[in-house]
Protein backbone atom coordinates (compact mmCIF):
# COMPACT_ATOMS: atom_id res chain seq x y z
CA MET A 1 177.12 242.28 49.69
CA ASP A 2 175.53 245.01 47.63
CA LYS A 3 176.72 248.56 47.03
CA ASP A 4 174.61 250.04 49.85
CA THR A 5 175.83 247.48 52.39
CA PHE A 6 179.43 248.17 51.34
CA LYS A 7 178.86 251.91 51.83
CA GLU A 8 177.32 251.33 55.27
CA THR A 9 179.73 248.73 56.67
CA VAL A 10 183.09 249.10 54.92
CA LEU A 11 183.53 252.73 53.84
CA PRO A 12 183.05 254.16 57.37
CA LEU A 13 186.19 252.22 58.37
CA LYS A 14 188.42 254.18 56.00
CA HIS A 15 189.91 256.52 58.62
CA ARG A 16 190.68 253.70 61.04
CA LEU A 17 192.22 251.60 58.24
CA TYR A 18 194.21 254.61 57.03
CA ARG A 19 195.64 255.29 60.48
CA LEU A 20 196.63 251.63 60.83
CA ALA A 21 198.21 251.58 57.37
CA CYS A 22 200.02 254.84 58.07
CA SER A 23 201.30 253.47 61.35
CA LEU A 24 202.59 250.29 59.73
CA LEU A 25 203.93 251.80 56.51
CA GLY A 26 205.13 255.13 57.88
CA ASP A 27 204.16 256.93 54.66
CA PRO A 28 200.80 258.69 54.20
CA ASP A 29 200.76 258.21 50.42
CA GLU A 30 201.56 254.50 50.71
CA ALA A 31 198.86 254.21 53.38
CA GLN A 32 196.24 255.79 51.10
CA ASP A 33 197.19 253.40 48.30
CA ALA A 34 197.03 250.46 50.67
CA VAL A 35 193.55 251.35 51.94
CA GLN A 36 192.28 251.77 48.39
CA GLU A 37 193.66 248.34 47.48
CA VAL A 38 192.03 246.85 50.58
CA PHE A 39 188.67 248.33 49.55
CA VAL A 40 189.06 246.88 46.05
CA ARG A 41 189.97 243.49 47.52
CA ILE A 42 186.94 243.50 49.86
CA TRP A 43 184.62 244.61 47.05
CA SER A 44 185.93 241.93 44.67
CA LYS A 45 185.20 239.26 47.31
CA ARG A 46 181.78 240.66 48.25
CA GLY A 47 180.05 237.44 47.22
CA ASN A 48 181.87 235.52 49.98
CA MET A 49 181.15 238.01 52.78
CA LYS A 50 178.04 236.34 54.20
CA GLU A 51 180.10 234.37 56.73
CA ILE A 52 181.90 237.46 58.09
CA ARG A 53 180.60 238.22 61.59
CA ASN A 54 182.71 241.31 62.29
CA MET A 55 183.45 243.38 59.18
CA GLU A 56 185.66 245.80 61.12
CA ALA A 57 187.93 243.02 62.39
CA PHE A 58 187.97 241.48 58.92
CA ALA A 59 188.92 244.80 57.26
CA ILE A 60 191.61 245.50 59.85
CA THR A 61 193.08 242.03 59.34
CA ILE A 62 193.17 242.48 55.56
CA THR A 63 194.75 245.93 55.97
CA LYS A 64 197.37 244.61 58.38
CA ASN A 65 198.28 241.71 56.10
CA HIS A 66 198.33 243.89 53.00
CA CYS A 67 200.60 246.46 54.69
CA LEU A 68 202.97 243.78 55.96
CA ASP A 69 203.15 242.33 52.42
CA ARG A 70 203.93 245.81 51.05
CA LEU A 71 206.64 246.29 53.67
CA ARG A 72 208.25 243.00 52.70
CA LYS A 73 208.27 244.07 49.04
CA LEU A 74 209.41 247.64 49.74
CA ARG A 75 211.98 246.88 52.43
CA PRO A 76 215.22 248.50 51.30
CA LEU A 77 218.50 246.69 51.16
CA PRO A 78 220.62 247.04 54.31
CA LEU A 79 222.26 250.44 54.59
CA GLU A 80 225.95 250.69 53.96
CA ASP A 81 228.23 252.62 56.28
CA GLY A 82 227.95 256.33 55.71
CA GLN A 83 224.40 256.21 54.35
CA LYS A 84 221.74 257.90 56.44
CA LYS A 85 218.44 256.20 57.06
CA GLU A 86 215.52 258.07 55.50
CA SER A 87 213.26 259.67 58.08
CA ARG A 88 209.67 258.43 57.93
CA LEU A 89 207.96 261.36 59.63
CA PRO A 90 204.38 262.26 58.71
CA ASP A 91 203.79 264.75 55.88
CA PRO A 92 203.68 268.52 56.66
CA ALA A 93 199.89 268.70 56.95
CA MET A 94 199.94 266.03 59.64
CA LYS A 95 202.87 267.71 61.41
CA MET A 96 200.82 270.88 61.76
CA GLU A 97 198.05 268.96 63.49
CA MET A 98 200.22 267.08 65.96
CA SER A 99 201.96 268.41 69.00
CA ASP A 100 205.71 267.91 69.23
CA SER A 101 205.37 265.15 71.81
CA VAL A 102 202.82 263.18 69.84
CA ARG A 103 204.90 263.53 66.67
CA LEU A 104 207.99 262.34 68.51
CA ILE A 105 206.16 259.32 69.95
CA LEU A 106 204.79 258.40 66.52
CA HIS A 107 208.32 258.66 65.15
CA LEU A 108 209.63 256.49 67.95
CA MET A 109 206.86 253.95 67.28
CA GLN A 110 208.33 253.46 63.79
CA GLN A 111 211.42 252.01 65.48
CA LEU A 112 209.41 249.24 67.14
CA PRO A 113 209.17 245.76 65.65
CA GLU A 114 206.13 245.39 63.36
CA GLN A 115 204.06 243.35 65.81
CA GLN A 116 204.66 245.67 68.76
CA ARG A 117 203.97 248.73 66.61
CA MET A 118 200.70 247.23 65.34
CA VAL A 119 199.48 246.19 68.81
CA MET A 120 200.38 249.58 70.29
CA HIS A 121 198.64 251.39 67.45
CA LEU A 122 195.46 249.33 67.71
CA HIS A 123 195.33 249.64 71.50
CA ASP A 124 196.53 253.18 72.18
CA ILE A 125 195.52 255.04 69.03
CA GLU A 126 192.49 253.10 67.78
CA GLN A 127 191.31 252.45 71.36
CA MET A 128 190.61 248.76 70.71
CA ASP A 129 190.51 246.40 73.67
CA ASN A 130 192.66 243.27 73.85
CA ASN A 131 189.85 240.96 72.70
CA GLU A 132 189.24 243.07 69.59
CA ILE A 133 192.97 243.13 68.85
CA ALA A 134 193.11 239.36 69.30
CA GLU A 135 190.30 238.93 66.79
CA CYS A 136 192.07 241.17 64.25
CA THR A 137 195.59 239.84 64.67
CA GLY A 138 195.16 236.22 65.72
CA LEU A 139 197.39 236.84 68.75
CA SER A 140 196.45 235.63 72.21
CA THR A 141 195.51 238.24 74.80
CA ASP A 142 198.66 237.31 76.74
CA ALA A 143 200.78 237.96 73.65
CA ILE A 144 198.99 241.27 73.15
CA ARG A 145 199.69 242.34 76.74
CA ALA A 146 203.35 241.30 76.42
CA ASN A 147 203.79 243.14 73.10
CA LEU A 148 202.08 246.23 74.46
CA SER A 149 204.22 246.22 77.59
CA ARG A 150 207.45 245.80 75.61
CA ALA A 151 206.42 248.50 73.13
CA ARG A 152 205.60 251.00 75.87
CA LYS A 153 208.83 250.24 77.71
CA LYS A 154 210.87 250.78 74.52
CA ILE A 155 209.04 254.04 73.73
CA ARG A 156 209.56 255.25 77.31
CA THR A 157 213.28 254.44 77.10
CA LEU A 158 213.70 256.15 73.74
CA TYR A 159 211.60 259.15 74.80
CA THR A 160 213.64 259.77 77.96
CA ARG A 161 216.81 259.85 75.86
CA ILE A 162 215.50 262.87 73.95
CA ASP A 163 216.01 266.31 75.47
CA THR A 164 213.61 269.23 75.11
CA HIS A 165 215.19 270.28 71.79
CA GLY A 166 214.62 266.90 70.16
CA LEU A 167 218.27 265.90 70.38
CA GLU A 168 219.41 262.61 71.85
CA LYS A 169 221.04 262.95 75.27
CA ASN A 170 224.45 261.43 75.77
């Protein structure tokens, strides 16, 4: 792959990869770093890219794996009693762009298991169909449907517990 091909096929994916990384990592700065590292990794392996049929699926897979590796390395020790869990809300610039409901749902998505969060993000935010998600994740379409269903049910349950002021109902 030459520089022009990289610019035409890989760089246009940066926003999609960033949104996925942000969804998985929950931190915009970490997501930017992750996407940059993914680009460096793809560029360094450009000589082996002739066999890649779908560059988008390949880049999403690398981003997913890289983010999951980062999460494993960054995962904090279990919280002790009395410690509050750090909120992983988007930065202020993103907050201004999102409505309260969307922001709340994105926050609730951070509480989902990694696989459900990733499938929900790829399907509902990136608008990928189940076959595309299967190609990126290696999951079967049945597993994707099950994860998506469980994720939506959990979000619905958590969302209905929140009142109009953002406080959890008793």
